[in-house]
Every structure is written in structure tokens, then in C-alpha cells.
Protein backbone atom coordinates (compact mmCIF):
# COMPACT_ATOMS: atom_id res chain seq x y z
CA MET A 1 -135.79 -159.98 208.36
CA GLN A 2 -136.38 -156.90 206.18
CA LYS A 3 -134.11 -156.59 203.16
CA ARG A 4 -131.59 -153.77 203.17
CA ILE A 5 -131.69 -151.86 199.88
CA VAL A 6 -128.60 -149.88 198.92
CA ILE A 7 -127.47 -147.43 196.26
CA THR A 8 -124.51 -148.71 194.25
CA GLY A 9 -124.50 -146.31 191.30
CA MET A 10 -125.39 -142.68 190.57
CA GLY A 11 -125.48 -140.52 187.45
CA THR A 12 -126.63 -136.99 186.71
CA LEU A 13 -126.65 -134.08 184.33
CA ASN A 14 -127.95 -130.80 185.71
CA ALA A 15 -127.36 -127.06 185.59
CA ILE A 16 -124.33 -127.10 187.91
CA ALA A 17 -122.66 -130.39 186.94
CA HIS A 18 -122.66 -132.90 184.10
CA ASN A 19 -121.55 -135.84 186.24
CA ILE A 20 -121.38 -137.04 189.84
CA PRO A 21 -117.69 -136.20 190.49
CA ASP A 22 -118.38 -132.53 189.63
CA PHE A 23 -121.74 -132.40 191.41
CA SER A 24 -120.52 -132.78 194.99
CA PRO A 25 -117.97 -129.91 194.87
CA ALA A 26 -120.48 -127.71 193.03
CA LEU A 27 -122.95 -128.24 195.88
CA LYS A 28 -120.28 -127.64 198.52
CA ASN A 29 -119.16 -124.44 196.86
CA GLY A 30 -122.67 -123.09 196.37
CA HIS A 31 -122.48 -122.83 192.58
CA CYS A 32 -125.52 -121.27 190.95
CA GLY A 33 -126.60 -122.67 187.58
CA ILE A 34 -129.54 -120.28 187.15
CA ARG A 35 -128.87 -117.98 184.22
CA GLU A 36 -130.31 -116.84 180.90
CA ILE A 37 -132.05 -119.58 178.89
CA ASP A 38 -131.18 -120.09 175.22
CA ILE A 39 -132.78 -123.46 174.50
CA PHE A 40 -135.94 -121.70 173.30
CA ASP A 41 -137.14 -118.15 172.74
CA THR A 42 -138.04 -116.51 176.07
CA SER A 43 -139.18 -113.17 174.61
CA GLY A 44 -142.60 -112.30 175.89
CA PHE A 45 -142.08 -113.95 179.26
CA SER A 46 -141.65 -111.95 182.44
CA ALA A 47 -138.77 -114.26 183.44
CA ARG A 48 -135.95 -115.38 181.14
CA THR A 49 -133.68 -117.39 183.42
CA GLY A 50 -133.55 -120.99 184.53
CA GLY A 51 -131.38 -123.98 185.29
CA GLN A 52 -130.58 -125.10 181.74
CA ILE A 53 -128.00 -127.81 181.04
CA LYS A 54 -125.63 -125.87 178.82
CA ASN A 55 -123.42 -127.33 176.08
CA PHE A 56 -125.03 -130.76 176.15
CA VAL A 57 -123.75 -132.81 173.21
CA ALA A 58 -125.35 -136.24 173.58
CA ARG A 59 -122.71 -138.16 171.65
CA ASN A 60 -120.08 -137.03 174.15
CA TYR A 61 -121.90 -139.17 176.73
CA ILE A 62 -123.45 -141.95 174.66
CA PRO A 63 -121.14 -144.36 172.77
CA GLN A 64 -121.53 -144.95 169.04
CA ASN A 65 -122.84 -148.48 169.60
CA PHE A 66 -126.09 -147.02 170.95
CA SER A 67 -128.50 -145.52 168.43
CA MET A 68 -129.84 -142.05 169.22
CA LYS A 69 -132.40 -142.13 166.42
CA ARG A 70 -135.69 -140.44 167.34
CA MET A 71 -134.62 -139.87 170.93
CA SER A 72 -135.90 -136.74 172.65
CA ARG A 73 -133.78 -134.48 174.86
CA ALA A 74 -135.37 -136.24 177.85
CA ASP A 75 -134.39 -139.65 176.44
CA LEU A 76 -130.83 -138.53 175.76
CA LEU A 77 -130.33 -136.93 179.18
CA SER A 78 -131.74 -139.91 181.07
CA PHE A 79 -129.76 -142.39 178.97
CA ALA A 80 -126.53 -140.49 179.55
CA ALA A 81 -127.17 -140.39 183.31
CA THR A 82 -128.03 -144.11 183.25
CA LEU A 83 -124.73 -144.95 181.57
CA GLU A 84 -122.83 -143.03 184.25
CA ALA A 85 -124.78 -144.80 187.01
CA LEU A 86 -124.17 -148.25 185.49
CA HIS A 87 -120.45 -147.56 185.13
CA ASP A 88 -120.38 -146.34 188.73
CA ALA A 89 -122.18 -149.50 189.91
CA GLY A 90 -119.85 -151.83 188.00
CA LEU A 91 -122.73 -152.97 185.80
CA TYR A 92 -121.42 -151.86 182.41
CA PRO A 93 -121.39 -153.77 180.15
CA PHE A 94 -124.63 -154.99 181.69
CA PRO A 95 -124.37 -158.60 182.96
CA GLU A 96 -126.60 -160.96 180.98
CA GLU A 97 -127.50 -162.95 184.11
CA LEU A 98 -129.12 -159.85 185.66
CA GLN A 99 -131.24 -158.79 182.68
CA LYS A 100 -134.40 -160.71 183.60
CA GLY A 101 -134.43 -159.43 187.16
CA THR A 102 -133.63 -155.78 186.50
CA GLY A 103 -136.36 -153.15 186.42
CA VAL A 104 -136.62 -149.51 185.37
CA SER A 105 -138.55 -146.88 187.34
CA ILE A 106 -138.47 -143.30 186.05
CA GLY A 107 -140.27 -140.10 187.05
CA GLY A 108 -140.85 -137.28 184.60
CA GLY A 109 -143.28 -134.87 183.06
CA ALA A 110 -142.45 -133.04 179.83
CA GLY A 111 -141.06 -136.04 177.94
CA GLY A 112 -140.62 -135.09 174.29
CA LEU A 113 -142.53 -131.80 174.41
CA LEU A 114 -139.49 -129.78 173.34
CA GLU A 115 -139.31 -131.82 170.13
CA ALA A 116 -143.08 -131.60 169.69
CA GLU A 117 -142.88 -127.81 169.91
CA SER A 118 -140.21 -127.78 167.22
CA PHE A 119 -142.27 -130.11 165.03
CA TYR A 120 -145.40 -128.00 165.41
CA GLY A 121 -143.50 -124.79 164.63
CA ASP A 122 -142.18 -126.30 161.41
CA PHE A 123 -145.63 -127.75 160.63
CA LEU A 124 -147.23 -124.30 160.79
CA LYS A 125 -144.37 -122.62 158.95
CA ASN A 126 -144.63 -125.05 156.02
CA ASN A 127 -148.44 -125.27 156.04
CA GLY A 128 -148.25 -128.94 156.88
CA ARG A 129 -146.01 -129.87 153.96
CA ARG A 130 -143.06 -132.21 154.49
CA ALA A 131 -144.12 -132.84 158.06
CA ARG A 132 -142.04 -135.63 159.62
CA PHE A 133 -144.39 -137.17 162.15
CA SER A 134 -141.63 -139.58 163.19
CA ARG A 135 -140.22 -136.68 165.19
CA LEU A 136 -143.08 -137.29 167.63
CA ALA A 137 -141.97 -140.86 168.35
CA SER A 138 -140.56 -139.87 171.75
CA LEU A 139 -143.33 -137.46 172.72
CA PHE A 140 -144.59 -139.53 175.64
CA CYS A 141 -142.90 -139.40 179.02
CA ALA A 142 -142.65 -143.21 179.16
CA SER A 143 -140.21 -143.15 176.24
CA SER A 144 -137.18 -142.62 178.51
CA ALA A 145 -137.83 -145.78 180.55
CA ASP A 146 -138.57 -147.67 177.34
CA ARG A 147 -135.25 -146.61 175.81
CA ILE A 148 -133.26 -147.66 178.87
CA ALA A 149 -134.94 -151.06 179.14
CA SER A 150 -134.64 -151.89 175.44
CA ALA A 151 -131.00 -150.78 175.18
CA PHE A 152 -129.92 -153.30 177.82
CA ASP A 153 -132.55 -156.02 177.15
CA LEU A 154 -133.99 -155.63 180.64
CA ALA A 155 -137.02 -157.81 181.33
CA GLY A 156 -137.98 -156.81 184.87
CA PRO A 157 -140.76 -154.39 185.89
CA LYS A 158 -140.87 -151.05 184.06
CA ALA A 159 -142.84 -147.99 185.19
CA THR A 160 -143.05 -144.24 184.59
CA PHE A 161 -144.40 -141.85 187.22
CA MET A 162 -145.94 -138.55 186.18
CA THR A 163 -146.76 -137.14 189.60
CA ALA A 164 -145.24 -133.76 188.72
CA CYS A 165 -142.51 -132.60 191.12
CA SER A 166 -142.60 -135.79 193.20
CA GLY A 167 -142.20 -138.15 190.22
CA GLY A 168 -138.48 -138.85 190.64
CA ALA A 169 -138.80 -139.49 194.37
CA THR A 170 -141.83 -141.73 193.88
CA ALA A 171 -139.93 -143.71 191.23
CA ILE A 172 -137.15 -144.39 193.74
CA GLY A 173 -139.61 -145.39 196.47
CA TYR A 174 -141.36 -147.75 194.07
CA ALA A 175 -138.00 -149.23 193.06
CA ARG A 176 -137.27 -149.93 196.73
CA ASP A 177 -140.60 -151.74 197.03
CA LEU A 178 -139.92 -153.84 193.92
CA ILE A 179 -136.68 -155.16 195.41
CA ALA A 180 -138.07 -155.56 198.92
CA GLY A 181 -141.01 -157.53 197.53
CA GLY A 182 -138.87 -159.80 195.38
CA GLN A 183 -140.17 -158.42 192.07
CA ALA A 184 -136.71 -157.28 190.98
CA SER A 185 -133.09 -157.78 192.02
CA VAL A 186 -131.77 -154.50 190.58
CA VAL A 187 -133.70 -151.35 189.61
CA ILE A 188 -132.50 -148.40 187.55
CA ALA A 189 -134.50 -145.57 189.12
CA GLY A 190 -134.68 -141.79 189.00
CA GLY A 191 -136.14 -138.92 187.05
CA VAL A 192 -135.70 -136.73 184.00
CA GLU A 193 -137.13 -133.38 182.98
CA PRO A 194 -136.12 -131.32 179.93
CA MET A 195 -136.86 -127.63 179.65
CA CYS A 196 -139.52 -126.71 177.11
CA ARG A 197 -141.47 -123.61 176.18
CA LEU A 198 -144.87 -125.01 177.19
CA THR A 199 -143.81 -125.75 180.77
CA TYR A 200 -142.05 -122.39 181.05
CA ALA A 201 -145.14 -120.59 179.75
CA ALA A 202 -147.42 -122.45 182.16
CA PHE A 203 -145.40 -121.49 185.24
CA ASN A 204 -145.15 -117.91 184.00
CA ALA A 205 -148.93 -117.85 183.58
CA LEU A 206 -149.28 -119.05 187.18
CA LYS A 207 -146.98 -116.17 188.22
CA SER A 208 -144.83 -118.71 190.02
CA VAL A 209 -141.47 -117.90 188.39
CA ALA A 210 -138.91 -115.65 190.09
CA ALA A 211 -138.03 -112.44 188.30
CA ASP A 212 -134.29 -113.18 188.47
CA THR A 213 -133.32 -116.13 190.67
CA CYS A 214 -135.07 -118.14 193.35
CA ARG A 215 -134.48 -117.37 197.04
CA PRO A 216 -135.83 -120.25 199.13
CA PHE A 217 -137.13 -119.29 202.59
CA ASP A 218 -136.16 -115.63 202.06
CA LYS A 219 -138.61 -112.94 203.17
CA ASN A 220 -138.64 -111.46 199.65
CA ARG A 221 -138.87 -114.73 197.72
CA ASP A 222 -141.10 -114.32 194.68
CA GLY A 223 -141.13 -117.69 192.96
CA LEU A 224 -139.19 -120.64 191.67
CA SER A 225 -136.56 -120.96 188.97
CA LEU A 226 -137.33 -123.71 186.47
CA GLY A 227 -134.61 -126.12 185.47
CA GLU A 228 -133.85 -129.42 183.79
CA ALA A 229 -131.97 -132.50 184.88
CA ALA A 230 -131.53 -136.23 184.67
CA ALA A 231 -130.76 -138.11 187.87
CA ILE A 232 -130.42 -141.90 188.04
CA VAL A 233 -129.55 -144.26 190.88
CA ILE A 234 -128.95 -148.02 190.89
CA LEU A 235 -130.75 -149.83 193.71
CA GLU A 236 -130.10 -153.42 194.75
CA GLU A 237 -130.23 -155.68 197.79
CA LEU A 238 -127.27 -155.33 200.11
CA ASP A 239 -126.28 -159.00 200.06
CA SER A 240 -126.15 -159.03 196.25
CA ALA A 241 -124.13 -155.82 196.16
CA LEU A 242 -121.61 -157.18 198.64
CA ALA A 243 -121.38 -160.50 196.79
CA ARG A 244 -120.27 -158.80 193.59
CA GLY A 245 -117.96 -156.37 195.38
CA ALA A 246 -119.93 -153.23 194.53
CA ARG A 247 -119.13 -149.88 196.12
CA ILE A 248 -122.05 -148.77 198.29
CA HIS A 249 -122.91 -145.07 198.38
CA GLY A 250 -125.76 -145.22 200.85
CA GLU A 251 -128.91 -146.99 201.93
CA ILE A 252 -132.57 -146.20 201.40
CA LEU A 253 -134.20 -146.59 204.80
CA GLY A 254 -137.81 -145.71 204.04
CA TYR A 255 -140.29 -143.55 202.19
CA GLY A 256 -143.75 -142.10 202.58
CA ILE A 257 -146.31 -141.05 199.99
CA THR A 258 -149.54 -139.09 200.51
CA CYS A 259 -152.05 -136.86 198.74
CA ASP A 260 -153.42 -133.51 199.93
CA SER A 261 -156.74 -133.74 198.05
CA TYR A 262 -156.73 -129.96 198.28
CA HIS A 263 -155.91 -128.08 195.07
CA MET A 264 -154.48 -128.75 191.63
CA THR A 265 -151.54 -126.34 191.92
CA ALA A 266 -151.49 -124.91 195.46
CA PRO A 267 -150.24 -126.80 198.53
CA ASP A 268 -152.45 -127.22 201.57
CA GLU A 269 -151.38 -124.31 203.78
CA GLN A 270 -152.17 -126.41 206.85
CA ALA A 271 -149.47 -128.82 205.66
CA SER A 272 -151.48 -131.97 206.41
CA GLY A 273 -150.23 -133.95 203.40
CA ALA A 274 -146.59 -132.94 203.91
CA VAL A 275 -146.78 -133.86 207.60
CA ARG A 276 -148.27 -137.27 206.86
CA SER A 277 -145.67 -137.93 204.15
CA MET A 278 -142.77 -137.32 206.54
CA GLU A 279 -144.46 -139.29 209.32
CA ALA A 280 -145.06 -142.22 206.94
CA ALA A 281 -141.40 -142.22 205.88
CA LEU A 282 -140.27 -142.21 209.52
CA ARG A 283 -142.58 -145.14 210.34
CA ASP A 284 -141.39 -147.04 207.29
CA SER A 285 -137.75 -146.56 208.26
CA GLY A 286 -138.21 -147.39 211.92
CA LEU A 287 -136.63 -144.06 212.86
CA SER A 288 -137.89 -141.32 215.16
CA PRO A 289 -137.76 -137.56 214.51
CA ASP A 290 -134.71 -137.41 216.80
CA ASP A 291 -132.80 -139.67 214.40
CA ILE A 292 -132.80 -137.31 211.38
CA ASP A 293 -129.58 -135.35 210.87
CA TYR A 294 -130.40 -133.32 207.75
CA ILE A 295 -133.51 -132.31 205.80
CA ASN A 296 -133.29 -131.66 202.07
CA ALA A 297 -136.32 -129.44 201.69
CA HIS A 298 -138.64 -129.21 198.71
CA GLY A 299 -137.98 -125.46 199.13
CA THR A 300 -139.27 -124.04 195.85
CA ALA A 301 -139.05 -120.36 196.93
CA THR A 302 -142.74 -119.72 196.32
CA PRO A 303 -144.31 -117.77 199.20
CA VAL A 304 -146.85 -120.47 200.04
CA ASN A 305 -144.68 -123.59 199.71
CA ASP A 306 -141.82 -122.45 201.92
CA ALA A 307 -144.11 -121.31 204.72
CA MET A 308 -146.10 -124.55 204.45
CA GLU A 309 -143.02 -126.76 204.50
CA THR A 310 -141.58 -124.91 207.49
CA LYS A 311 -144.85 -125.48 209.34
CA ALA A 312 -144.83 -129.16 208.38
CA ILE A 313 -141.27 -129.68 209.64
CA LYS A 314 -142.18 -128.04 212.95
CA ASN A 315 -145.27 -130.24 213.29
CA VAL A 316 -143.26 -133.42 212.72
CA PHE A 317 -140.05 -132.58 214.58
CA GLY A 318 -141.32 -130.30 217.34
CA LYS A 319 -138.64 -128.29 219.16
CA ARG A 320 -135.92 -130.30 217.45
CA ALA A 321 -136.91 -128.70 214.13
CA TYR A 322 -134.82 -125.70 215.17
CA THR A 323 -131.64 -127.77 215.55
CA ILE A 324 -131.80 -129.79 212.30
CA PRO A 325 -130.06 -128.21 209.28
CA VAL A 326 -132.56 -127.69 206.44
CA SER A 327 -131.52 -126.60 202.96
CA SER A 328 -132.98 -126.16 199.51
CA THR A 329 -130.49 -126.97 196.77
CA LYS A 330 -133.02 -125.72 194.20
CA SER A 331 -131.35 -122.38 194.87
CA MET A 332 -128.39 -123.81 192.93
CA HIS A 333 -129.71 -126.24 190.30
CA ALA A 334 -133.25 -124.78 190.05
CA HIS A 335 -136.52 -126.71 190.27
CA THR A 336 -136.25 -129.66 187.93
CA LEU A 337 -139.87 -130.80 188.36
CA GLY A 338 -140.15 -134.53 187.55
CA ALA A 339 -136.41 -135.01 188.11
CA ALA A 340 -136.26 -132.98 191.35
CA GLY A 341 -136.90 -135.80 193.81
CA ALA A 342 -134.28 -138.02 192.19
CA LEU A 343 -131.72 -135.22 191.88
CA GLU A 344 -132.18 -134.30 195.52
CA ALA A 345 -131.96 -137.96 196.51
CA ILE A 346 -128.46 -137.87 195.01
CA VAL A 347 -127.79 -134.60 196.88
CA SER A 348 -128.78 -136.33 200.13
CA ILE A 349 -126.62 -139.38 199.42
CA LEU A 350 -123.60 -137.20 198.56
CA ALA A 351 -124.12 -135.21 201.77
CA LEU A 352 -124.11 -138.43 203.80
CA ARG A 353 -121.18 -139.98 201.97
CA ASN A 354 -118.97 -136.88 201.84
CA GLY A 355 -119.84 -135.41 205.24
CA PHE A 356 -121.33 -132.01 204.47
CA VAL A 357 -124.60 -130.08 204.56
CA PRO A 358 -125.31 -128.28 201.25
CA PRO A 359 -126.20 -124.59 201.57
CA THR A 360 -129.28 -122.61 200.61
CA ILE A 361 -127.81 -119.84 198.46
CA ASN A 362 -129.31 -116.46 197.46
CA HIS A 363 -130.86 -116.03 200.92
CA GLN A 364 -130.70 -112.39 202.02
CA GLU A 365 -133.42 -111.55 204.55
CA ARG A 366 -134.96 -113.76 207.22
CA ASP A 367 -138.71 -114.40 207.09
CA PRO A 368 -140.44 -114.61 210.49
CA GLN A 369 -142.60 -117.44 209.10
CA CYS A 370 -139.51 -119.36 207.97
CA ASP A 371 -137.39 -119.43 211.10
CA LEU A 372 -135.45 -122.70 210.92
CA ASP A 373 -131.75 -123.29 210.23
CA TYR A 374 -131.61 -123.05 206.43
CA VAL A 375 -127.79 -123.19 206.13
CA THR A 376 -127.55 -119.80 204.43
CA SER A 377 -123.87 -119.02 205.10
CA GLY A 378 -122.28 -121.75 203.00
CA ALA A 379 -121.89 -125.51 203.24
CA ARG A 380 -121.02 -127.09 206.59
CA SER A 381 -118.91 -130.08 207.44
CA ALA A 382 -121.03 -132.60 209.32
CA ASN A 383 -120.95 -136.27 210.25
CA LEU A 384 -124.40 -137.14 208.95
CA LYS A 385 -125.93 -140.57 209.43
CA THR A 386 -129.43 -139.92 208.05
CA ALA A 387 -131.06 -137.51 205.63
CA LEU A 388 -134.73 -136.88 204.86
CA SER A 389 -135.69 -135.49 201.44
CA ASN A 390 -139.08 -133.94 200.66
CA SER A 391 -140.80 -133.68 197.27
CA PHE A 392 -144.21 -131.98 197.14
CA ALA A 393 -146.04 -131.68 193.84
CA PHE A 394 -148.99 -130.28 191.93
CA GLY A 395 -152.14 -132.25 192.58
CA GLY A 396 -151.12 -132.60 196.23
CA ASN A 397 -148.70 -135.47 195.50
CA ASN A 398 -146.19 -135.75 198.36
CA THR A 399 -143.23 -138.13 198.67
CA THR A 400 -140.58 -138.25 201.39
CA LEU A 401 -137.44 -140.39 201.14
CA ILE A 402 -135.07 -141.22 203.99
CA PHE A 403 -131.48 -142.26 203.31
CA GLY A 404 -128.78 -143.56 205.62
CA LYS A 405 -125.01 -143.54 205.52
CA TYR A 406 -123.93 -147.10 204.79
CA THR A 407 -122.42 -149.07 207.66
CA GLU A 408 -122.38 -152.80 208.36
CA ARG A 409 -125.21 -152.17 210.79
CA SER A 410 -128.13 -150.22 209.37
CA ALA A 411 -128.68 -146.66 210.60
CA CYS A 412 -132.04 -147.94 211.83
CA HIS A 413 -130.17 -150.03 214.45
CA GLU A 414 -127.41 -147.61 215.39
CA ARG A 415 -129.49 -145.06 217.23
């Protein structure tokens, strides 16, 4: 019998909430965290807004008994989110008997680039004198997973996924596989992405950034809004979670992963990779298209992506595509790149647990090419049993996750 893998803990910091209790109402109320950036100088860029985590003071989230020496913003954000998730799961302090069987699986991209930019600026300013190369200790994206594992003496599998905007989702799918295959009993999984000048400059150079704020699926959408976030979930086998009396937020039912093999930055307009990713997730979960109650779209608000994703949903779901609520919460918390799939996994779990469909905000004019139900008039109350979440990335990396509302009988068997 296939193992049931459940989510027992969640933690996040993002542009609209600095914890899980605040995140759900922010989503329900359609809060927008996209505003002027002050974490670095945006002069010279055509866009100056984004989903920055404002007023982040790491020591307010991380106790004194944990060293923050040489930790990057990515390390600090992911560690803070991990602590919240562990508290939520009832695993803090971390049980010694679980250390050997606990893994870490994190998606990301920028890593310590923000700190590297600061180092390089000082290096040039001082002509190389008094350069503290130790500031580059957390440059690499893998540093966040390393910090989490070492802080709690975890000896299970550890991996970092740098598949751009699908990294966080892929990390969660991989974590599910580790537990299902007996390689780990618990996995701390998710994604982290800090804002940095280099990433912001790159997306501006690609002319992919919205002039003011992103408008997913809108006729006049002109690009994404970049953001930052950390999003962490605790995955474990159902029987183990029940045995220790853990609260269960939801269940991961399946996931799919594909590659377009099309273009480095542009999605395949025929949507072949996105279609296959959703179909693979449905097969893996044992569900049919008729069983999906809500779709959390990748929905970046770029002209090509939103039209492509709409086409993909129609190809997979047929006529029923028009009756399934589809929303892009990037309109609220912005596109958090390597953290996006993990953050939107939490969005999906909160929607299932708390009985609502998050809205797509900032939508003003309907696009004939994007003609599905994008939930543009505010959040809706809904008794959701399943949610599908898409993450499509540069390089044609596609990952789809499917979550179910927890019941004694799996959602796979209740249809």
C-alpha cells in the first residue's frame, strides 16, 4: 500500500505576511505587497517596485542560541521560516531520535548574491584593500540547506534545487519521494529567494518586469513583479504523524515534473511541457481532471506565460477548465522565483484547510486568450478537497504539485 505523506508544519516570510497566521487572512483579503524597493538602489531601472520583505530583523525570529555569523539574507529567511515550521509541527526542540532520518530539500536561486554585491561594491570602492572574503561564505545557494541541517544535527538526505522558478516545488516533490521510498522519515522542504540587484537587472534587461504592478491574465498585462520569500513545509508519513499526535494541515497526493527542451527563458507557446507536467501529477495522484477543485496558477503576468498556461489548462481539463477556479497569488506576493513553488504550495494548503479560493488581484480587463475563471472579484468561500499548483521555470523546467484536504480516507479514494 502506498504511503500517505502529509504536511504537519508550515513557515513563511513574504511580502504580505511574516508568518503563517497572518498569511491566510492576507490572501483572503487580497493584500498587495508590491511596492517601492529599498533593499538596493533601483535608479536606472525602468521598474522600481517589487515584493520585498520589509522590516526584516533576523534576531526577532532566530533565538540567541543560534549563531547568525556569515549567514546571507537567504540563509536567515529560510532559517526563520524553518523555525516557524518546526514549532508548528511540534518538532522544536528537534527530537534527537529523528535526527538521523530527517532530510532537507530546498529550492532557490540567488543564494548569497545580495551579500556578494555588497562585498564587490566595497572591494571596488577600497581598491581591494581590507576586503573581507569571509563575507562570501554563504554565496552558494546550497548554503541555506547546509545551515538548516547543521543547526539541528540532521543526518538524512540533503539537496538543493536550482531549477529557477520551479525549484521550491521540485524540492517538495523530491521530499515526498524520499519519504515514500524509505530514504527519510521527515523532510524539511521548501524554497527561499532573496531580492538582489543582479536578478532585478536581469529581468529588467529581458523586459519582463511590469512598469508598476503585475496583472496576471489581464489583457494589458506587461510583465511580472519580482519578489522574495522563504517558504518551508514539514513532510512526514501519516502513520508517524498520527503516532506523535501532530496536527495535519494537508496531504501531498502527487507531483509531475517535465522539461520543454524549447528555450532558455521563453515557455513553449504550444504548452507541451506544462500539459505533460499536469498530466503526470494527475497520474501520480490517481486523480482525474474532474477531481481537481482549484488551480493555483504559475500566472506570472507576462503576455506569453499566461496565454500558454491558459491553453495548457484547457488541454488537460477540457470543458471543465471553465468551471474550475484558477488564481495567481503572485498578484499579491509577487514572483518569488526559487521560492515561488513552495510559497504557493502553502497557499494551496491554506486554501484547502481554511475553505477559500484566493483571488487574482489587479485584474482590470478580460483577455480573449485568457478566458477562464480567474477569481478576480475577491476571495471565495469554497469547500475544496484538492488543489493543483503549477510552477513553470526558465530552461523549460515544469513542476506540478497536487494537494488534498486531510481526511481519514485519502482524497484519492473519496471521489
